[in-house]
Amino acid sequence: MTLVSARYASVSGTVLSSLNAPVRTSLNLATSDPSGALVEPTSTSADGAFVFRHVLPGEYRLRVYGAQSSSGVAEFASMPVVVADEDISGVVLVTAPGATATGRVVFEDGAKPDSRLFVRTSATTPGLSFSNTSVGVNPDMTFSIGGLTERQTFRPGLLPDGWFLKAVTHAGADITDTGYDFKPGERVSGIQMLLTRRSTTLNGTVQDDRGEPLADYTVVAFSSDASKWGYLTRFVRTARPDQDGKFTIRALPPDDYLVVAVEYLESGQELDPEQLRVWAPLATKVTLGDGATQSTTLKLTR
């Protein structure tokens, strides 16, 4: 543990709506580094003024979500803030209506589920789950989602058994994992979500050092490409054994994977890049092609 001397600073300013009126709302000042300093949320006063106290040096993003303007429309705002060893004052944050995205759900083989479908968005920044949105898909398989801000990914809601997400595209580009960075008030059309009944499957068993099958373990499968690790990734999955001691992981995107079996897994440990780097040289390599099924036998990693 390394300790350093740092001076606390304050960040203060005013929140105004798109109509230039003071806004009563709550604010969040967050660092993009999950291990960074935490700052208690604050609220504006009647004249829109706010202040964050006891802020450590670092790079932050100041955010307002869902503020109600005088017109009754939910508005949003965000801006970067770099804190050094001096107080920051006079910040003016102007909110604007969120963006709107429209699109369509399509199916790889023409068939479609009998039940109603939903589309949801998720902010790609950790800790911003309160900005997520979910809407029902219309009978003609179109959808429209409003109130979007910053970078968002698109996912189907709970799908019927046998159906999986294959890709999300916009203007010919795959945005399944990168998401789309929305600007205030922007209207984005042409989002396409492709669903399929073809899925990758990774299954197998786990043995101890003597080659005896185990019935209690956790398997972690993660992409061999470290750039695909992180928050909300589709390229890291875990599985527990069934009553026969076998594990199954479905719907991993086609890729090269590293797979380990561990005796105990702490909550969220599989999303820690440092832990994945430790496991990588001990892992079994598996390649999953589109719709492919692979079976493997793993040794317990200790």
C-alpha atoms as a PDB file:
ATOM      1  CA  MET A   1       0.000   0.000   0.000  1.00  0.00           C
ATOM      2  CA  THR A   2       1.440   3.339  -1.083  1.00  0.00           C
ATOM      3  CA  LEU A   3       0.235   6.567   0.530  1.00  0.00           C
ATOM      4  CA  VAL A   4       0.591   9.989  -1.072  1.00  0.00           C
ATOM      5  CA  SER A   5      -0.137  13.480   0.179  1.00  0.00           C
ATOM      6  CA  ALA A   6      -2.984  15.212  -1.678  1.00  0.00           C
ATOM      7  CA  ARG A   7      -5.024  18.364  -1.057  1.00  0.00           C
ATOM      8  CA  TYR A   8      -8.810  18.176  -1.240  1.00  0.00           C
ATOM      9  CA  ALA A   9     -10.494  20.623  -3.606  1.00  0.00           C
ATOM     10  CA  SER A  10     -14.043  21.781  -4.210  1.00  0.00           C
ATOM     11  CA  VAL A  11     -15.965  21.904  -7.500  1.00  0.00           C
ATOM     12  CA  SER A  12     -18.829  24.392  -7.710  1.00  0.00           C
ATOM     13  CA  GLY A  13     -21.047  25.975 -10.315  1.00  0.00           C
ATOM     14  CA  THR A  14     -24.569  26.206 -11.691  1.00  0.00           C
ATOM     15  CA  VAL A  15     -26.930  23.959 -13.628  1.00  0.00           C
ATOM     16  CA  LEU A  16     -29.143  25.646 -16.249  1.00  0.00           C
ATOM     17  CA  SER A  17     -31.768  24.135 -18.515  1.00  0.00           C
ATOM     18  CA  SER A  18     -31.861  24.491 -22.294  1.00  0.00           C
ATOM     19  CA  LEU A  19     -34.210  27.454 -21.661  1.00  0.00           C
ATOM     20  CA  ASN A  20     -31.495  29.123 -19.537  1.00  0.00           C
ATOM     21  CA  ALA A  21     -33.453  28.599 -16.314  1.00  0.00           C
ATOM     22  CA  PRO A  22     -31.969  27.271 -13.020  1.00  0.00           C
ATOM     23  CA  VAL A  23     -32.562  23.543 -12.492  1.00  0.00           C
ATOM     24  CA  ARG A  24     -33.272  21.730  -9.232  1.00  0.00           C
ATOM     25  CA  THR A  25     -31.633  18.358  -9.662  1.00  0.00           C
ATOM     26  CA  SER A  26     -29.028  15.917  -8.363  1.00  0.00           C
ATOM     27  CA  LEU A  27     -25.505  15.689  -9.750  1.00  0.00           C
ATOM     28  CA  ASN A  28     -22.857  12.991  -9.928  1.00  0.00           C
ATOM     29  CA  LEU A  29     -19.099  13.544 -10.082  1.00  0.00           C
ATOM     30  CA  ALA A  30     -17.423  10.269 -11.017  1.00  0.00           C
ATOM     31  CA  THR A  31     -13.982   9.132 -12.069  1.00  0.00           C
ATOM     32  CA  SER A  32     -13.738   6.753 -15.018  1.00  0.00           C
ATOM     33  CA  ASP A  33     -11.304   4.613 -13.007  1.00  0.00           C
ATOM     34  CA  PRO A  34     -13.382   2.116 -10.964  1.00  0.00           C
ATOM     35  CA  SER A  35     -10.624   2.080  -8.327  1.00  0.00           C
ATOM     36  CA  GLY A  36     -10.491   5.860  -8.144  1.00  0.00           C
ATOM     37  CA  ALA A  37     -11.810   8.267  -5.544  1.00  0.00           C
ATOM     38  CA  LEU A  38     -15.505   8.299  -4.711  1.00  0.00           C
ATOM     39  CA  VAL A  39     -17.384  11.594  -4.466  1.00  0.00           C
ATOM     40  CA  GLU A  40     -20.721  11.866  -2.701  1.00  0.00           C
ATOM     41  CA  PRO A  41     -23.537  12.998  -5.042  1.00  0.00           C
ATOM     42  CA  THR A  42     -24.946  16.456  -4.405  1.00  0.00           C
ATOM     43  CA  SER A  43     -27.997  18.518  -5.357  1.00  0.00           C
ATOM     44  CA  THR A  44     -28.546  22.021  -6.654  1.00  0.00           C
ATOM     45  CA  SER A  45     -30.255  24.770  -4.708  1.00  0.00           C
ATOM     46  CA  ALA A  46     -33.205  26.786  -6.001  1.00  0.00           C
ATOM     47  CA  ASP A  47     -30.916  28.994  -8.089  1.00  0.00           C
ATOM     48  CA  GLY A  48     -29.243  25.966  -9.701  1.00  0.00           C
ATOM     49  CA  ALA A  49     -26.032  26.285  -7.651  1.00  0.00           C
ATOM     50  CA  PHE A  50     -24.064  23.237  -6.519  1.00  0.00           C
ATOM     51  CA  VAL A  51     -20.818  22.391  -4.769  1.00  0.00           C
ATOM     52  CA  PHE A  52     -18.803  19.185  -4.379  1.00  0.00           C
ATOM     53  CA  ARG A  53     -16.414  19.242  -1.436  1.00  0.00           C
ATOM     54  CA  HIS A  54     -13.453  17.043  -0.498  1.00  0.00           C
ATOM     55  CA  VAL A  55     -12.591  16.100  -4.100  1.00  0.00           C
ATOM     56  CA  LEU A  56      -9.207  14.441  -4.605  1.00  0.00           C
ATOM     57  CA  PRO A  57      -7.039  15.321  -7.627  1.00  0.00           C
ATOM     58  CA  GLY A  58      -7.976  13.372 -10.754  1.00  0.00           C
ATOM     59  CA  GLU A  59     -10.001  13.297 -13.957  1.00  0.00           C
ATOM     60  CA  TYR A  60     -13.771  13.252 -13.459  1.00  0.00           C
ATOM     61  CA  ARG A  61     -16.999  13.595 -15.390  1.00  0.00           C
ATOM     62  CA  LEU A  62     -19.761  15.803 -14.028  1.00  0.00           C
ATOM     63  CA  ARG A  63     -23.239  14.499 -14.905  1.00  0.00           C
ATOM     64  CA  VAL A  64     -26.890  15.436 -14.600  1.00  0.00           C
ATOM     65  CA  TYR A  65     -29.467  12.782 -15.533  1.00  0.00           C
ATOM     66  CA  GLY A  66     -33.197  13.207 -16.066  1.00  0.00           C
ATOM     67  CA  ALA A  67     -33.470  16.808 -14.835  1.00  0.00           C
ATOM     68  CA  GLN A  68     -36.957  18.233 -15.407  1.00  0.00           C
ATOM     69  CA  SER A  69     -36.826  21.489 -17.330  1.00  0.00           C
ATOM     70  CA  SER A  70     -39.545  24.133 -17.079  1.00  0.00           C
ATOM     71  CA  SER A  71     -41.076  22.604 -20.228  1.00  0.00           C
ATOM     72  CA  GLY A  72     -41.438  19.264 -18.404  1.00  0.00           C
ATOM     73  CA  VAL A  73     -39.009  17.398 -20.677  1.00  0.00           C
ATOM     74  CA  ALA A  74     -36.261  15.286 -19.113  1.00  0.00           C
ATOM     75  CA  GLU A  75     -32.869  16.812 -19.898  1.00  0.00           C
ATOM     76  CA  PHE A  76     -29.287  15.654 -19.441  1.00  0.00           C
ATOM     77  CA  ALA A  77     -25.769  17.056 -19.356  1.00  0.00           C
ATOM     78  CA  SER A  78     -22.197  15.932 -18.776  1.00  0.00           C
ATOM     79  CA  MET A  79     -18.751  17.481 -18.984  1.00  0.00           C
ATOM     80  CA  PRO A  80     -15.184  16.494 -18.080  1.00  0.00           C
ATOM     81  CA  VAL A  81     -13.590  18.063 -15.003  1.00  0.00           C
ATOM     82  CA  VAL A  82      -9.878  17.878 -14.163  1.00  0.00           C
ATOM     83  CA  VAL A  83      -9.174  18.507 -10.484  1.00  0.00           C
ATOM     84  CA  ALA A  84      -5.656  19.475  -9.378  1.00  0.00           C
ATOM     85  CA  ASP A  85      -4.755  21.181  -6.097  1.00  0.00           C
ATOM     86  CA  GLU A  86      -6.970  24.257  -6.600  1.00  0.00           C
ATOM     87  CA  ASP A  87     -10.701  24.757  -6.071  1.00  0.00           C
ATOM     88  CA  ILE A  88     -12.767  24.907  -9.268  1.00  0.00           C
ATOM     89  CA  SER A  89     -15.611  27.434  -9.377  1.00  0.00           C
ATOM     90  CA  GLY A  90     -17.895  28.999 -11.947  1.00  0.00           C
ATOM     91  CA  VAL A  91     -18.718  25.744 -13.752  1.00  0.00           C
ATOM     92  CA  VAL A  92     -21.865  26.140 -15.880  1.00  0.00           C
ATOM     93  CA  LEU A  93     -23.597  22.926 -16.881  1.00  0.00           C
ATOM     94  CA  VAL A  94     -26.388  23.381 -19.462  1.00  0.00           C
ATOM     95  CA  THR A  95     -28.830  20.494 -19.844  1.00  0.00           C
ATOM     96  CA  ALA A  96     -30.438  19.383 -23.092  1.00  0.00           C
ATOM     97  CA  PRO A  97     -33.059  16.818 -24.097  1.00  0.00           C
ATOM     98  CA  GLY A  98     -31.719  13.306 -24.509  1.00  0.00           C
ATOM     99  CA  ALA A  99     -31.165  11.658 -27.866  1.00  0.00           C
ATOM    100  CA  THR A 100     -33.624   9.300 -29.575  1.00  0.00           C
ATOM    101  CA  ALA A 101     -32.716   6.062 -31.358  1.00  0.00           C
ATOM    102  CA  THR A 102     -34.981   4.140 -33.716  1.00  0.00           C
ATOM    103  CA  GLY A 103     -34.359   0.783 -35.285  1.00  0.00           C
ATOM    104  CA  ARG A 104     -35.589  -2.674 -36.109  1.00  0.00           C
ATOM    105  CA  VAL A 105     -35.171  -6.226 -34.855  1.00  0.00           C
ATOM    106  CA  VAL A 106     -34.385  -8.720 -37.623  1.00  0.00           C
ATOM    107  CA  PHE A 107     -33.900 -12.478 -37.625  1.00  0.00           C
ATOM    108  CA  GLU A 108     -31.178 -14.536 -39.215  1.00  0.00           C
ATOM    109  CA  ASP A 109     -33.414 -17.244 -40.714  1.00  0.00           C
ATOM    110  CA  GLY A 110     -36.681 -15.330 -41.090  1.00  0.00           C
ATOM    111  CA  ALA A 111     -38.467 -17.009 -38.182  1.00  0.00           C
ATOM    112  CA  LYS A 112     -39.246 -15.005 -35.062  1.00  0.00           C
ATOM    113  CA  PRO A 113     -40.247 -15.734 -31.442  1.00  0.00           C
ATOM    114  CA  ASP A 114     -43.940 -15.905 -30.543  1.00  0.00           C
ATOM    115  CA  SER A 115     -43.551 -13.753 -27.421  1.00  0.00           C
ATOM    116  CA  ARG A 116     -43.187  -9.978 -27.366  1.00  0.00           C
ATOM    117  CA  LEU A 117     -39.640  -8.665 -27.556  1.00  0.00           C
ATOM    118  CA  PHE A 118     -37.970  -5.820 -25.690  1.00  0.00           C
ATOM    119  CA  VAL A 119     -34.889  -3.723 -26.425  1.00  0.00           C
ATOM    120  CA  ARG A 120     -32.837  -2.188 -23.643  1.00  0.00           C
ATOM    121  CA  THR A 121     -29.907   0.203 -23.551  1.00  0.00           C
ATOM    122  CA  SER A 122     -27.095   0.210 -21.020  1.00  0.00           C
ATOM    123  CA  ALA A 123     -24.588   2.966 -20.335  1.00  0.00           C
ATOM    124  CA  THR A 124     -21.072   1.697 -20.983  1.00  0.00           C
ATOM    125  CA  THR A 125     -19.688   3.595 -17.979  1.00  0.00           C
ATOM    126  CA  PRO A 126     -19.703   1.654 -14.680  1.00  0.00           C
ATOM    127  CA  GLY A 127     -22.084   3.024 -12.070  1.00  0.00           C
ATOM    128  CA  LEU A 128     -24.486   4.694 -14.520  1.00  0.00           C
ATOM    129  CA  SER A 129     -27.148   1.979 -14.492  1.00  0.00           C
ATOM    130  CA  PHE A 130     -29.786   4.595 -13.630  1.00  0.00           C
ATOM    131  CA  SER A 131     -29.522   5.869 -17.218  1.00  0.00           C
ATOM    132  CA  ASN A 132     -30.567   2.514 -18.696  1.00  0.00           C
ATOM    133  CA  THR A 133     -33.812   2.286 -20.684  1.00  0.00           C
ATOM    134  CA  SER A 134     -36.069  -0.536 -21.900  1.00  0.00           C
ATOM    135  CA  VAL A 135     -38.894  -0.419 -24.473  1.00  0.00           C
ATOM    136  CA  GLY A 136     -41.170  -2.935 -26.120  1.00  0.00           C
ATOM    137  CA  VAL A 137     -40.707  -3.828 -29.780  1.00  0.00           C
ATOM    138  CA  ASN A 138     -43.655  -2.934 -32.033  1.00  0.00           C
ATOM    139  CA  PRO A 139     -45.557  -5.621 -34.009  1.00  0.00           C
ATOM    140  CA  ASP A 140     -43.641  -4.610 -37.160  1.00  0.00           C
ATOM    141  CA  MET A 141     -40.377  -5.231 -35.231  1.00  0.00           C
ATOM    142  CA  THR A 142     -39.454  -1.539 -35.020  1.00  0.00           C
ATOM    143  CA  PHE A 143     -38.519   0.246 -31.800  1.00  0.00           C
ATOM    144  CA  SER A 144     -37.862   3.768 -30.555  1.00  0.00           C
ATOM    145  CA  ILE A 145     -35.947   4.693 -27.402  1.00  0.00           C
ATOM    146  CA  GLY A 146     -35.705   8.246 -26.070  1.00  0.00           C
ATOM    147  CA  GLY A 147     -33.805   9.966 -23.281  1.00  0.00           C
ATOM    148  CA  LEU A 148     -30.411   8.584 -24.331  1.00  0.00           C
ATOM    149  CA  THR A 149     -27.148  10.201 -23.362  1.00  0.00           C
ATOM    150  CA  GLU A 150     -23.442   9.392 -23.707  1.00  0.00           C
ATOM    151  CA  ARG A 151     -22.348   5.976 -24.970  1.00  0.00           C
ATOM    152  CA  GLN A 152     -24.974   3.217 -24.850  1.00  0.00           C
ATOM    153  CA  THR A 153     -25.085  -0.420 -25.931  1.00  0.00           C
ATOM    154  CA  PHE A 154     -28.232  -2.140 -27.225  1.00  0.00           C
ATOM    155  CA  ARG A 155     -29.367  -5.544 -26.006  1.00  0.00           C
ATOM    156  CA  PRO A 156     -32.567  -7.599 -26.269  1.00  0.00           C
ATOM    157  CA  GLY A 157     -34.617  -8.083 -23.146  1.00  0.00           C
ATOM    158  CA  LEU A 158     -35.133 -11.598 -21.817  1.00  0.00           C
ATOM    159  CA  LEU A 159     -35.289 -13.824 -24.880  1.00  0.00           C
ATOM    160  CA  PRO A 160     -37.248 -17.091 -25.200  1.00  0.00           C
ATOM    161  CA  ASP A 161     -35.203 -20.276 -24.931  1.00  0.00           C
ATOM    162  CA  GLY A 162     -33.213 -20.967 -28.065  1.00  0.00           C
ATOM    163  CA  TRP A 163     -32.855 -17.342 -29.191  1.00  0.00           C
ATOM    164  CA  PHE A 164     -29.672 -15.282 -28.937  1.00  0.00           C
ATOM    165  CA  LEU A 165     -28.256 -11.893 -29.908  1.00  0.00           C
ATOM    166  CA  LYS A 166     -25.895 -12.115 -32.871  1.00  0.00           C
ATOM    167  CA  ALA A 167     -25.086  -8.477 -33.652  1.00  0.00           C
ATOM    168  CA  VAL A 168     -26.155  -4.836 -33.383  1.00  0.00           C
ATOM    169  CA  THR A 169     -25.245  -2.610 -36.319  1.00  0.00           C
ATOM    170  CA  HIS A 170     -25.639   0.999 -37.425  1.00  0.00           C
ATOM    171  CA  ALA A 171     -24.816   2.322 -40.902  1.00  0.00           C
ATOM    172  CA  GLY A 172     -22.978  -0.900 -41.676  1.00  0.00           C
ATOM    173  CA  ALA A 173     -20.777  -0.741 -38.569  1.00  0.00           C
ATOM    174  CA  ASP A 174     -20.899  -3.340 -35.793  1.00  0.00           C
ATOM    175  CA  ILE A 175     -21.728  -1.525 -32.527  1.00  0.00           C
ATOM    176  CA  THR A 176     -22.631  -4.610 -30.508  1.00  0.00           C
ATOM    177  CA  ASP A 177     -19.848  -4.086 -27.993  1.00  0.00           C
ATOM    178  CA  THR A 178     -18.634  -0.546 -28.664  1.00  0.00           C
ATOM    179  CA  GLY A 179     -22.102   1.009 -28.387  1.00  0.00           C
ATOM    180  CA  TYR A 180     -23.111   4.384 -29.831  1.00  0.00           C
ATOM    181  CA  ASP A 181     -22.068   7.748 -28.397  1.00  0.00           C
ATOM    182  CA  PHE A 182     -25.218   9.910 -28.313  1.00  0.00           C
ATOM    183  CA  LYS A 183     -25.164  13.701 -28.479  1.00  0.00           C
ATOM    184  CA  PRO A 184     -27.837  15.844 -26.763  1.00  0.00           C
ATOM    185  CA  GLY A 185     -31.050  16.048 -28.781  1.00  0.00           C
ATOM    186  CA  GLU A 186     -29.674  13.785 -31.537  1.00  0.00           C
ATOM    187  CA  ARG A 187     -32.042  11.558 -33.541  1.00  0.00           C
ATOM    188  CA  VAL A 188     -30.352   8.356 -34.701  1.00  0.00           C
ATOM    189  CA  SER A 189     -32.142   5.968 -37.048  1.00  0.00           C
ATOM    190  CA  GLY A 190     -31.157   2.659 -38.575  1.00  0.00           C
ATOM    191  CA  ILE A 191     -30.141   0.698 -35.484  1.00  0.00           C
ATOM    192  CA  GLN A 192     -30.478  -2.983 -36.385  1.00  0.00           C
ATOM    193  CA  MET A 193     -30.522  -5.836 -33.874  1.00  0.00           C
ATOM    194  CA  LEU A 194     -29.973  -9.303 -35.358  1.00  0.00           C
ATOM    195  CA  LEU A 195     -31.311 -12.299 -33.420  1.00  0.00           C
ATOM    196  CA  THR A 196     -30.456 -15.894 -34.217  1.00  0.00           C
ATOM    197  CA  ARG A 197     -31.213 -19.448 -33.189  1.00  0.00           C
ATOM    198  CA  ARG A 198     -27.588 -20.413 -33.861  1.00  0.00           C
ATOM    199  CA  SER A 199     -25.348 -20.184 -30.846  1.00  0.00           C
ATOM    200  CA  THR A 200     -21.869 -21.181 -29.789  1.00  0.00           C
ATOM    201  CA  THR A 201     -21.742 -23.807 -27.058  1.00  0.00           C
ATOM    202  CA  LEU A 202     -18.827 -24.601 -24.764  1.00  0.00           C
ATOM    203  CA  ASN A 203     -19.275 -27.569 -22.466  1.00  0.00           C
ATOM    204  CA  GLY A 204     -17.203 -30.082 -20.543  1.00  0.00           C
ATOM    205  CA  THR A 205     -16.083 -31.424 -17.200  1.00  0.00           C
ATOM    206  CA  VAL A 206     -13.477 -30.583 -14.581  1.00  0.00           C
ATOM    207  CA  GLN A 207     -11.013 -32.979 -12.931  1.00  0.00           C
ATOM    208  CA  ASP A 208      -8.794 -32.794  -9.879  1.00  0.00           C
ATOM    209  CA  ASP A 209      -5.042 -33.508  -9.867  1.00  0.00           C
ATOM    210  CA  ARG A 210      -5.714 -37.269  -9.804  1.00  0.00           C
ATOM    211  CA  GLY A 211      -8.029 -37.152 -12.798  1.00  0.00           C
ATOM    212  CA  GLU A 212     -11.158 -37.621 -10.723  1.00  0.00           C
ATOM    213  CA  PRO A 213     -14.260 -35.700 -11.896  1.00  0.00           C
ATOM    214  CA  LEU A 214     -15.376 -32.793  -9.721  1.00  0.00           C
ATOM    215  CA  ALA A 215     -18.935 -31.704  -8.979  1.00  0.00           C
ATOM    216  CA  ASP A 216     -18.275 -28.326  -7.315  1.00  0.00           C
ATOM    217  CA  TYR A 217     -16.375 -25.630  -9.227  1.00  0.00           C
ATOM    218  CA  THR A 218     -16.787 -22.501 -11.352  1.00  0.00           C
ATOM    219  CA  VAL A 219     -15.592 -22.187 -14.940  1.00  0.00           C
ATOM    220  CA  VAL A 220     -14.483 -18.828 -16.347  1.00  0.00           C
ATOM    221  CA  ALA A 221     -14.193 -18.407 -20.126  1.00  0.00           C
ATOM    222  CA  PHE A 222     -12.627 -15.152 -21.349  1.00  0.00           C
ATOM    223  CA  SER A 223     -11.395 -13.866 -24.687  1.00  0.00           C
ATOM    224  CA  SER A 224      -7.689 -14.215 -25.382  1.00  0.00           C
ATOM    225  CA  ASP A 225      -7.851 -10.567 -26.521  1.00  0.00           C
ATOM    226  CA  ALA A 226      -7.503  -8.413 -23.393  1.00  0.00           C
ATOM    227  CA  SER A 227      -9.112  -5.441 -25.156  1.00  0.00           C
ATOM    228  CA  LYS A 228     -12.420  -7.361 -25.004  1.00  0.00           C
ATOM    229  CA  TRP A 229     -12.414  -7.591 -21.205  1.00  0.00           C
ATOM    230  CA  GLY A 230     -14.201  -5.020 -19.055  1.00  0.00           C
ATOM    231  CA  TYR A 231     -17.556  -3.640 -18.013  1.00  0.00           C
ATOM    232  CA  LEU A 232     -20.625  -5.183 -19.739  1.00  0.00           C
ATOM    233  CA  THR A 233     -18.421  -7.388 -21.935  1.00  0.00           C
ATOM    234  CA  ARG A 234     -19.986 -10.335 -23.774  1.00  0.00           C
ATOM    235  CA  PHE A 235     -16.580 -11.998 -24.009  1.00  0.00           C
ATOM    236  CA  VAL A 236     -16.307 -13.127 -20.370  1.00  0.00           C
ATOM    237  CA  ARG A 237     -18.718 -15.717 -18.986  1.00  0.00           C
ATOM    238  CA  THR A 238     -18.906 -18.066 -16.027  1.00  0.00           C
ATOM    239  CA  ALA A 239     -20.688 -21.352 -15.417  1.00  0.00           C
ATOM    240  CA  ARG A 240     -21.388 -23.772 -12.588  1.00  0.00           C
ATOM    241  CA  PRO A 241     -21.779 -27.549 -12.992  1.00  0.00           C
ATOM    242  CA  ASP A 242     -25.161 -29.220 -13.425  1.00  0.00           C
ATOM    243  CA  GLN A 243     -26.322 -32.231 -11.398  1.00  0.00           C
ATOM    244  CA  ASP A 244     -24.113 -34.477 -13.540  1.00  0.00           C
ATOM    245  CA  GLY A 245     -21.008 -32.375 -12.890  1.00  0.00           C
ATOM    246  CA  LYS A 246     -20.925 -30.913 -16.412  1.00  0.00           C
ATOM    247  CA  PHE A 247     -20.771 -27.229 -17.322  1.00  0.00           C
ATOM    248  CA  THR A 248     -22.296 -25.456 -20.332  1.00  0.00           C
ATOM    249  CA  ILE A 249     -21.751 -21.897 -21.599  1.00  0.00           C
ATOM    250  CA  ARG A 250     -23.865 -20.730 -24.537  1.00  0.00           C
ATOM    251  CA  ALA A 251     -23.890 -17.632 -26.746  1.00  0.00           C
ATOM    252  CA  LEU A 252     -20.285 -16.525 -26.398  1.00  0.00           C
ATOM    253  CA  PRO A 253     -19.380 -14.492 -29.511  1.00  0.00           C
ATOM    254  CA  PRO A 254     -17.153 -16.390 -31.957  1.00  0.00           C
ATOM    255  CA  ASP A 255     -13.563 -15.859 -30.813  1.00  0.00           C
ATOM    256  CA  ASP A 256     -10.471 -17.474 -29.274  1.00  0.00           C
ATOM    257  CA  TYR A 257     -10.997 -18.092 -25.558  1.00  0.00           C
ATOM    258  CA  LEU A 258      -9.035 -18.997 -22.450  1.00  0.00           C
ATOM    259  CA  VAL A 259     -10.889 -21.234 -20.006  1.00  0.00           C
ATOM    260  CA  VAL A 260     -10.105 -21.972 -16.358  1.00  0.00           C
ATOM    261  CA  ALA A 261     -11.868 -23.881 -13.592  1.00  0.00           C
ATOM    262  CA  VAL A 262     -11.527 -22.544 -10.058  1.00  0.00           C
ATOM    263  CA  GLU A 263     -12.683 -23.815  -6.712  1.00  0.00           C
ATOM    264  CA  TYR A 264     -14.120 -20.482  -5.587  1.00  0.00           C
ATOM    265  CA  LEU A 265     -14.978 -17.266  -7.434  1.00  0.00           C
ATOM    266  CA  GLU A 266     -15.655 -13.997  -5.668  1.00  0.00           C
ATOM    267  CA  SER A 267     -18.469 -11.851  -7.030  1.00  0.00           C
ATOM    268  CA  GLY A 268     -17.172  -9.831  -9.984  1.00  0.00           C
ATOM    269  CA  GLN A 269     -13.715 -11.411  -9.865  1.00  0.00           C
ATOM    270  CA  GLU A 270     -14.063 -12.602 -13.461  1.00  0.00           C
ATOM    271  CA  LEU A 271     -14.293  -8.954 -14.596  1.00  0.00           C
ATOM    272  CA  ASP A 272     -11.007  -7.937 -12.968  1.00  0.00           C
ATOM    273  CA  PRO A 273      -8.389  -7.610 -15.750  1.00  0.00           C
ATOM    274  CA  GLU A 274      -5.544  -8.250 -13.313  1.00  0.00           C
ATOM    275  CA  GLN A 275      -7.102 -11.538 -12.229  1.00  0.00           C
ATOM    276  CA  LEU A 276      -7.654 -12.590 -15.851  1.00  0.00           C
ATOM    277  CA  ARG A 277      -3.986 -11.913 -16.582  1.00  0.00           C
ATOM    278  CA  VAL A 278      -3.040 -14.209 -13.694  1.00  0.00           C
ATOM    279  CA  TRP A 279      -5.297 -16.976 -15.039  1.00  0.00           C
ATOM    280  CA  ALA A 280      -4.276 -16.577 -18.695  1.00  0.00           C
ATOM    281  CA  PRO A 281      -1.047 -18.678 -18.635  1.00  0.00           C
ATOM    282  CA  LEU A 282      -2.876 -21.431 -16.699  1.00  0.00           C
ATOM    283  CA  ALA A 283      -5.897 -21.572 -19.006  1.00  0.00           C
ATOM    284  CA  THR A 284      -6.963 -24.023 -21.698  1.00  0.00           C
ATOM    285  CA  LYS A 285      -7.273 -22.483 -25.181  1.00  0.00           C
ATOM    286  CA  VAL A 286     -10.542 -22.988 -27.066  1.00  0.00           C
ATOM    287  CA  THR A 287     -11.667 -21.544 -30.406  1.00  0.00           C
ATOM    288  CA  LEU A 288     -15.392 -21.013 -30.968  1.00  0.00           C
ATOM    289  CA  GLY A 289     -16.601 -20.491 -34.525  1.00  0.00           C
ATOM    290  CA  ASP A 290     -20.023 -19.206 -35.529  1.00  0.00           C
ATOM    291  CA  GLY A 291     -22.605 -21.666 -34.179  1.00  0.00           C
ATOM    292  CA  ALA A 292     -19.879 -24.129 -33.156  1.00  0.00           C
ATOM    293  CA  THR A 293     -19.933 -26.525 -30.201  1.00  0.00           C
ATOM    294  CA  GLN A 294     -16.711 -27.349 -28.370  1.00  0.00           C
ATOM    295  CA  SER A 295     -16.159 -29.785 -25.517  1.00  0.00           C
ATOM    296  CA  THR A 296     -13.181 -29.707 -23.172  1.00  0.00           C
ATOM    297  CA  THR A 297     -11.907 -31.319 -19.989  1.00  0.00           C
ATOM    298  CA  LEU A 298     -10.294 -28.918 -17.534  1.00  0.00           C
ATOM    299  CA  LYS A 299      -8.009 -29.348 -14.558  1.00  0.00           C
ATOM    300  CA  LEU A 300      -8.888 -27.387 -11.432  1.00  0.00           C
ATOM    301  CA  THR A 301      -6.729 -24.234 -11.204  1.00  0.00           C
ATOM    302  CA  ARG A 302      -5.411 -23.585  -7.706  1.00  0.00           C
END
